């Protein structure tokens, strides 16, 4: 999927349409939920893929934290924006 670029990327903002944010939140939520309920073998595969045991485990935990944070934060911002539009 290709999108038209808006604004100057140097301004530090990325603009997404509400439907794009909804799709992104859905993906983040699903990944987060899957990782939260994954079998130990799956998590160990992820750790192994991400690097040596200690670094891989730290990276895996970091990914789960990022998924948790951004799925919640994007959801919050989307609801706030929709509330402002709905008045």
N, C-alpha and C. Protein backbone atom coordinates (compact mmCIF):
# COMPACT_ATOMS: atom_id res chain seq x y z
N UNK A 1 0.85 -1.17 0.00
CA UNK A 1 0.00 0.00 0.00
C UNK A 1 0.90 1.23 0.00
N UNK A 2 0.65 2.13 -0.91
CA UNK A 2 1.45 3.34 -1.01
C UNK A 2 0.62 4.55 -0.63
N UNK A 3 1.22 5.46 0.14
CA UNK A 3 0.51 6.66 0.58
C UNK A 3 1.21 7.90 0.09
N UNK A 4 0.42 8.92 -0.08
CA UNK A 4 0.99 10.22 -0.43
C UNK A 4 1.62 10.81 0.83
N UNK A 5 2.82 11.36 0.67
CA UNK A 5 3.51 11.96 1.80
C UNK A 5 2.93 13.33 2.09
N UNK A 6 2.76 13.65 3.38
CA UNK A 6 2.25 14.96 3.77
C UNK A 6 3.22 15.64 4.70
N UNK A 7 3.46 16.90 4.47
CA UNK A 7 4.30 17.66 5.38
C UNK A 7 5.78 17.36 5.19
N UNK A 8 6.54 17.99 6.01
CA UNK A 8 7.99 17.85 5.99
C UNK A 8 8.38 16.82 7.03
N UNK A 9 9.01 15.74 6.59
CA UNK A 9 9.36 14.67 7.52
C UNK A 9 10.32 15.15 8.60
N UNK A 10 11.00 16.22 8.35
CA UNK A 10 11.93 16.74 9.35
C UNK A 10 11.21 17.35 10.54
N UNK A 11 9.90 17.57 10.43
CA UNK A 11 9.17 18.16 11.56
C UNK A 11 8.86 17.13 12.65
N UNK A 12 9.22 15.88 12.42
CA UNK A 12 9.06 14.85 13.45
C UNK A 12 7.67 14.26 13.54
N UNK A 13 6.79 14.59 12.63
CA UNK A 13 5.43 14.05 12.66
C UNK A 13 5.19 13.13 11.49
N UNK A 14 4.41 12.10 11.75
CA UNK A 14 3.93 11.22 10.71
C UNK A 14 2.41 11.26 10.80
N UNK A 15 1.76 11.59 9.72
CA UNK A 15 0.31 11.72 9.73
C UNK A 15 -0.31 10.46 9.15
N UNK A 16 -1.22 9.89 9.91
CA UNK A 16 -1.96 8.72 9.46
C UNK A 16 -3.44 9.03 9.48
N UNK A 17 -4.17 8.44 8.57
CA UNK A 17 -5.63 8.55 8.57
C UNK A 17 -6.14 7.69 9.73
N UNK A 18 -7.32 8.02 10.23
CA UNK A 18 -7.90 7.27 11.36
C UNK A 18 -8.01 5.78 11.03
N UNK A 19 -8.40 5.44 9.81
CA UNK A 19 -8.54 4.03 9.45
C UNK A 19 -7.18 3.32 9.47
N UNK A 20 -6.11 4.04 9.14
CA UNK A 20 -4.77 3.46 9.19
C UNK A 20 -4.34 3.21 10.63
N UNK A 21 -4.68 4.15 11.51
CA UNK A 21 -4.36 3.98 12.93
C UNK A 21 -5.14 2.79 13.49
N UNK A 22 -6.40 2.67 13.10
CA UNK A 22 -7.22 1.54 13.57
C UNK A 22 -6.60 0.21 13.14
N UNK A 23 -6.13 0.13 11.89
CA UNK A 23 -5.49 -1.09 11.40
C UNK A 23 -4.20 -1.37 12.17
N UNK A 24 -3.41 -0.33 12.39
CA UNK A 24 -2.14 -0.48 13.11
C UNK A 24 -2.39 -0.93 14.55
N UNK A 25 -3.37 -0.33 15.21
CA UNK A 25 -3.71 -0.72 16.57
C UNK A 25 -4.18 -2.17 16.60
N UNK A 26 -4.96 -2.57 15.61
CA UNK A 26 -5.43 -3.95 15.53
C UNK A 26 -4.26 -4.93 15.43
N UNK A 27 -3.29 -4.60 14.59
CA UNK A 27 -2.11 -5.45 14.44
C UNK A 27 -1.31 -5.50 15.74
N UNK A 28 -1.07 -4.34 16.34
CA UNK A 28 -0.32 -4.29 17.59
C UNK A 28 -1.03 -5.07 18.70
N UNK A 29 -2.35 -4.89 18.80
CA UNK A 29 -3.12 -5.62 19.81
C UNK A 29 -3.03 -7.13 19.60
N UNK A 30 -3.15 -7.56 18.34
CA UNK A 30 -3.10 -9.00 18.05
C UNK A 30 -1.72 -9.58 18.37
N UNK A 31 -0.68 -8.86 17.97
CA UNK A 31 0.68 -9.34 18.28
C UNK A 31 0.91 -9.40 19.78
N UNK A 32 0.48 -8.37 20.48
CA UNK A 32 0.64 -8.32 21.92
C UNK A 32 -0.12 -9.46 22.58
N UNK A 33 -1.35 -9.68 22.16
CA UNK A 33 -2.16 -10.75 22.71
C UNK A 33 -1.54 -12.12 22.41
N UNK A 34 -1.08 -12.29 21.18
CA UNK A 34 -0.45 -13.56 20.79
C UNK A 34 0.78 -13.83 21.65
N UNK A 35 1.63 -12.82 21.80
CA UNK A 35 2.84 -13.01 22.60
C UNK A 35 2.51 -13.27 24.06
N UNK A 36 1.46 -12.64 24.56
CA UNK A 36 1.06 -12.84 25.95
C UNK A 36 0.57 -14.26 26.20
N UNK A 37 0.03 -14.90 25.16
CA UNK A 37 -0.53 -16.24 25.31
C UNK A 37 0.29 -17.32 24.59
N UNK A 38 1.44 -16.93 24.08
CA UNK A 38 2.26 -17.88 23.32
C UNK A 38 2.84 -18.96 24.22
N UNK A 39 3.06 -20.10 23.63
CA UNK A 39 3.68 -21.22 24.33
C UNK A 39 5.14 -20.87 24.63
N UNK A 40 5.70 -21.42 25.67
CA UNK A 40 7.10 -21.16 26.00
C UNK A 40 8.05 -21.43 24.83
N UNK A 41 7.76 -22.45 24.01
CA UNK A 41 8.61 -22.73 22.86
C UNK A 41 8.65 -21.56 21.88
N UNK A 42 7.50 -20.93 21.68
CA UNK A 42 7.41 -19.79 20.77
C UNK A 42 8.26 -18.64 21.30
N UNK A 43 8.13 -18.38 22.59
CA UNK A 43 8.89 -17.29 23.19
C UNK A 43 10.40 -17.58 23.14
N UNK A 44 10.77 -18.83 23.36
CA UNK A 44 12.18 -19.20 23.27
C UNK A 44 12.70 -19.05 21.85
N UNK A 45 11.88 -19.38 20.85
CA UNK A 45 12.26 -19.17 19.45
C UNK A 45 12.50 -17.69 19.18
N UNK A 46 11.65 -16.86 19.74
CA UNK A 46 11.79 -15.41 19.57
C UNK A 46 13.09 -14.93 20.21
N UNK A 47 13.36 -15.40 21.40
CA UNK A 47 14.60 -15.03 22.10
C UNK A 47 15.81 -15.46 21.29
N UNK A 48 15.77 -16.69 20.79
CA UNK A 48 16.89 -17.21 19.98
C UNK A 48 17.08 -16.40 18.71
N UNK A 49 15.97 -16.03 18.08
CA UNK A 49 16.02 -15.24 16.85
C UNK A 49 16.63 -13.86 17.09
N UNK A 50 16.33 -13.27 18.24
CA UNK A 50 16.75 -11.90 18.52
C UNK A 50 18.18 -11.77 19.02
N UNK A 51 18.81 -12.88 19.33
CA UNK A 51 20.21 -12.78 19.72
C UNK A 51 20.61 -13.77 20.78
N UNK A 52 21.81 -13.62 21.29
CA UNK A 52 22.27 -14.50 22.37
C UNK A 52 21.26 -14.44 23.52
N UNK A 53 21.21 -15.48 24.31
CA UNK A 53 20.18 -15.66 25.33
C UNK A 53 19.84 -14.40 26.13
N UNK A 54 20.82 -13.79 26.76
CA UNK A 54 20.53 -12.62 27.61
C UNK A 54 20.03 -11.44 26.78
N UNK A 55 20.71 -11.15 25.68
CA UNK A 55 20.29 -10.03 24.83
C UNK A 55 18.96 -10.33 24.16
N UNK A 56 18.79 -11.57 23.71
CA UNK A 56 17.54 -11.95 23.07
C UNK A 56 16.35 -11.83 24.00
N UNK A 57 16.54 -12.26 25.25
CA UNK A 57 15.46 -12.16 26.23
C UNK A 57 15.13 -10.69 26.51
N UNK A 58 16.15 -9.87 26.65
CA UNK A 58 15.94 -8.44 26.87
C UNK A 58 15.21 -7.82 25.68
N UNK A 59 15.62 -8.19 24.47
CA UNK A 59 14.98 -7.66 23.26
C UNK A 59 13.52 -8.11 23.18
N UNK A 60 13.26 -9.38 23.49
CA UNK A 60 11.90 -9.89 23.45
C UNK A 60 11.01 -9.16 24.47
N UNK A 61 11.52 -8.97 25.67
CA UNK A 61 10.77 -8.25 26.70
C UNK A 61 10.52 -6.80 26.26
N UNK A 62 11.51 -6.20 25.61
CA UNK A 62 11.36 -4.84 25.10
C UNK A 62 10.29 -4.75 24.03
N UNK A 63 10.23 -5.74 23.16
CA UNK A 63 9.21 -5.76 22.10
C UNK A 63 7.83 -5.84 22.72
N UNK A 64 7.66 -6.69 23.70
CA UNK A 64 6.36 -6.81 24.36
C UNK A 64 5.98 -5.49 25.04
N UNK A 65 6.93 -4.84 25.69
CA UNK A 65 6.66 -3.54 26.33
C UNK A 65 6.24 -2.50 25.29
N UNK A 66 6.95 -2.46 24.17
CA UNK A 66 6.63 -1.49 23.11
C UNK A 66 5.23 -1.77 22.55
N UNK A 67 4.92 -3.03 22.30
CA UNK A 67 3.58 -3.38 21.81
C UNK A 67 2.51 -2.94 22.80
N UNK A 68 2.72 -3.24 24.08
CA UNK A 68 1.76 -2.82 25.12
C UNK A 68 1.56 -1.32 25.11
N UNK A 69 2.67 -0.59 25.13
CA UNK A 69 2.60 0.86 25.23
C UNK A 69 1.92 1.48 24.01
N UNK A 70 2.40 1.13 22.81
CA UNK A 70 1.89 1.81 21.63
C UNK A 70 0.48 1.38 21.25
N UNK A 71 0.10 0.16 21.53
CA UNK A 71 -1.29 -0.21 21.25
C UNK A 71 -2.22 0.59 22.16
N UNK A 72 -1.87 0.73 23.43
CA UNK A 72 -2.69 1.52 24.36
C UNK A 72 -2.66 3.00 24.01
N UNK A 73 -1.47 3.53 23.72
CA UNK A 73 -1.33 4.96 23.41
C UNK A 73 -2.05 5.35 22.12
N UNK A 74 -1.88 4.54 21.08
CA UNK A 74 -2.57 4.84 19.82
C UNK A 74 -4.07 4.71 19.98
N UNK A 75 -4.51 3.73 20.74
CA UNK A 75 -5.95 3.59 21.02
C UNK A 75 -6.49 4.82 21.72
N UNK A 76 -5.75 5.29 22.73
CA UNK A 76 -6.16 6.47 23.49
C UNK A 76 -6.24 7.70 22.58
N UNK A 77 -5.21 7.89 21.77
CA UNK A 77 -5.19 9.06 20.89
C UNK A 77 -6.28 8.99 19.84
N UNK A 78 -6.54 7.80 19.32
CA UNK A 78 -7.59 7.64 18.32
C UNK A 78 -8.95 7.96 18.93
N UNK A 79 -9.23 7.43 20.13
CA UNK A 79 -10.51 7.73 20.79
C UNK A 79 -10.65 9.22 21.08
N UNK A 80 -9.55 9.85 21.51
CA UNK A 80 -9.57 11.28 21.79
C UNK A 80 -9.87 12.08 20.52
N UNK A 81 -9.22 11.71 19.43
CA UNK A 81 -9.44 12.42 18.17
C UNK A 81 -10.87 12.22 17.68
N UNK A 82 -11.39 11.01 17.83
CA UNK A 82 -12.77 10.74 17.39
C UNK A 82 -13.77 11.50 18.25
N UNK A 83 -13.49 11.63 19.54
CA UNK A 83 -14.35 12.39 20.44
C UNK A 83 -14.37 13.86 20.04
N UNK A 84 -13.22 14.41 19.69
CA UNK A 84 -13.13 15.81 19.27
C UNK A 84 -13.89 16.03 17.97
N UNK A 85 -13.83 15.08 17.04
CA UNK A 85 -14.53 15.21 15.77
C UNK A 85 -16.03 15.09 15.98
N UNK A 86 -16.44 14.15 16.84
CA UNK A 86 -17.87 13.94 17.09
C UNK A 86 -18.48 15.05 17.91
N UNK A 87 -17.63 15.78 18.61
CA UNK A 87 -18.07 16.94 19.38
C UNK A 87 -18.67 16.57 20.65
